[in-house]
């Protein structure tokens, strides 16, 4: 973690680059990052609280669903994006000769996933 902290500028640059590329062609842009988990929460809330009549004791059901969705979306997308970040070349030119560059690329994918899902 200390090494990763030392390369935080590289991590920040790679994360911002991924976010900019991902939402450049989107009509909704950065709003889509927040809209997607909220839409899933609404659908799950309607299905499980109204149709299946699942209760959440004292907690409001949308909060209950959202508290389970956020970690799951973060984990699933992080694993998927980190797996996609393992090629030997970054962006066609930068060779991944340093282990720190490889590690920063994987962490930037994970942070990118978290920012997309929580913002």
Protein backbone atom coordinates (compact mmCIF):
# COMPACT_ATOMS: atom_id res chain seq x y z
CA UNK A 1 0.00 0.00 0.00
CA UNK A 2 2.89 2.39 0.64
CA UNK A 3 4.15 1.84 -2.89
CA UNK A 4 0.66 2.43 -4.23
CA UNK A 5 0.41 5.61 -2.17
CA UNK A 6 3.71 6.73 -3.65
CA UNK A 7 2.26 6.39 -7.14
CA UNK A 8 -1.07 8.04 -6.30
CA UNK A 9 -0.64 10.57 -9.11
CA UNK A 10 -0.40 7.74 -11.65
CA UNK A 11 -3.42 6.08 -10.05
CA UNK A 12 -5.39 9.33 -10.20
CA UNK A 13 -4.44 9.94 -13.84
CA UNK A 14 -5.39 6.43 -14.96
CA UNK A 15 -8.68 6.56 -13.04
CA UNK A 16 -9.66 9.95 -14.46
CA UNK A 17 -8.68 8.81 -17.97
CA UNK A 18 -10.92 5.73 -17.67
CA UNK A 19 -13.86 7.82 -16.42
CA UNK A 20 -13.44 10.37 -19.21
CA UNK A 21 -13.28 7.67 -21.88
CA UNK A 22 -16.23 5.74 -20.47
CA UNK A 23 -18.66 8.66 -20.39
CA UNK A 24 -17.43 10.62 -23.41
CA UNK A 25 -19.96 9.10 -25.81
CA UNK A 26 -22.81 8.81 -23.30
CA UNK A 27 -25.80 11.11 -23.68
CA UNK A 28 -26.30 11.29 -19.92
CA UNK A 29 -22.58 11.42 -19.13
CA UNK A 30 -21.66 11.19 -15.46
CA UNK A 31 -25.33 11.10 -14.43
CA UNK A 32 -25.50 7.52 -15.72
CA UNK A 33 -23.06 6.46 -12.99
CA UNK A 34 -25.62 7.38 -10.32
CA UNK A 35 -28.70 6.52 -12.32
CA UNK A 36 -27.82 2.87 -12.87
CA UNK A 37 -27.63 1.78 -9.19
CA UNK A 38 -30.65 3.91 -8.30
CA UNK A 39 -32.68 2.28 -11.05
CA UNK A 40 -31.68 -1.17 -9.82
CA UNK A 41 -32.67 -0.16 -6.28
CA UNK A 42 -36.11 0.99 -7.45
CA UNK A 43 -36.71 -2.21 -9.41
CA UNK A 44 -35.57 -4.47 -6.56
CA UNK A 45 -37.63 -2.48 -4.07
CA UNK A 46 -40.77 -2.81 -6.16
CA UNK A 47 -40.27 -6.50 -6.85
CA UNK A 48 -39.24 -7.67 -3.40
CA UNK A 49 -41.28 -5.38 -1.15
CA UNK A 50 -44.50 -5.26 -3.17
CA UNK A 51 -44.63 -8.52 -5.13
CA UNK A 52 -42.68 -10.94 -2.91
CA UNK A 53 -43.58 -9.10 0.34
CA UNK A 54 -40.08 -9.36 1.80
CA UNK A 55 -39.64 -7.27 4.95
CA UNK A 56 -36.56 -5.51 6.25
CA UNK A 57 -37.60 -5.20 9.91
CA UNK A 58 -37.14 -1.56 11.01
CA UNK A 59 -35.00 -0.28 8.15
CA UNK A 60 -36.67 1.36 5.13
CA UNK A 61 -36.62 -1.21 2.34
CA UNK A 62 -34.94 1.01 -0.32
CA UNK A 63 -32.04 1.68 2.08
CA UNK A 64 -31.84 -2.05 2.83
CA UNK A 65 -31.66 -2.92 -0.88
CA UNK A 66 -29.18 -0.13 -1.68
CA UNK A 67 -26.86 -1.19 1.16
CA UNK A 68 -26.62 -4.62 -0.42
CA UNK A 69 -26.43 -3.44 -4.02
CA UNK A 70 -23.51 -1.04 -3.65
CA UNK A 71 -20.96 -3.56 -2.34
CA UNK A 72 -22.11 -6.16 -4.87
CA UNK A 73 -21.91 -3.80 -7.85
CA UNK A 74 -18.51 -2.53 -6.68
CA UNK A 75 -17.16 -6.07 -6.25
CA UNK A 76 -18.54 -7.47 -9.50
CA UNK A 77 -17.45 -4.52 -11.63
CA UNK A 78 -14.08 -4.29 -9.90
CA UNK A 79 -13.28 -7.93 -10.60
CA UNK A 80 -14.47 -7.60 -14.18
CA UNK A 81 -12.51 -4.39 -14.85
CA UNK A 82 -9.38 -5.62 -13.07
CA UNK A 83 -9.44 -8.74 -15.21
CA UNK A 84 -9.71 -6.61 -18.34
CA UNK A 85 -6.75 -4.52 -17.14
CA UNK A 86 -4.21 -7.34 -17.32
CA UNK A 87 -2.90 -7.10 -20.91
CA UNK A 88 0.78 -6.33 -21.36
CA UNK A 89 0.19 -2.95 -22.98
CA UNK A 90 -1.68 0.08 -21.63
CA UNK A 91 -3.45 2.24 -24.21
CA UNK A 92 -1.39 0.83 -27.09
CA UNK A 93 1.96 2.46 -26.23
CA UNK A 94 2.94 2.28 -22.58
CA UNK A 95 4.54 -1.11 -21.93
CA UNK A 96 3.86 -2.55 -18.51
CA UNK A 97 7.46 -3.20 -17.58
CA UNK A 98 7.10 -2.08 -13.97
CA UNK A 99 5.04 -4.08 -11.46
CA UNK A 100 3.83 -0.76 -10.05
CA UNK A 101 2.34 0.25 -13.39
CA UNK A 102 0.46 -3.07 -13.55
CA UNK A 103 -0.79 -2.64 -9.99
CA UNK A 104 -1.82 0.99 -10.60
CA UNK A 105 -3.76 0.00 -13.69
CA UNK A 106 -5.73 -2.65 -11.78
CA UNK A 107 -6.43 -0.28 -8.88
CA UNK A 108 -7.49 2.48 -11.27
CA UNK A 109 -10.00 0.06 -12.79
CA UNK A 110 -11.37 -0.72 -9.35
CA UNK A 111 -11.54 2.93 -8.27
CA UNK A 112 -13.13 3.82 -11.60
CA UNK A 113 -15.78 1.18 -10.89
CA UNK A 114 -16.45 2.53 -7.44
CA UNK A 115 -16.76 6.13 -8.66
CA UNK A 116 -19.11 5.05 -11.42
CA UNK A 117 -21.39 3.24 -9.00
CA UNK A 118 -21.44 5.68 -6.09
CA UNK A 119 -21.57 9.05 -7.84
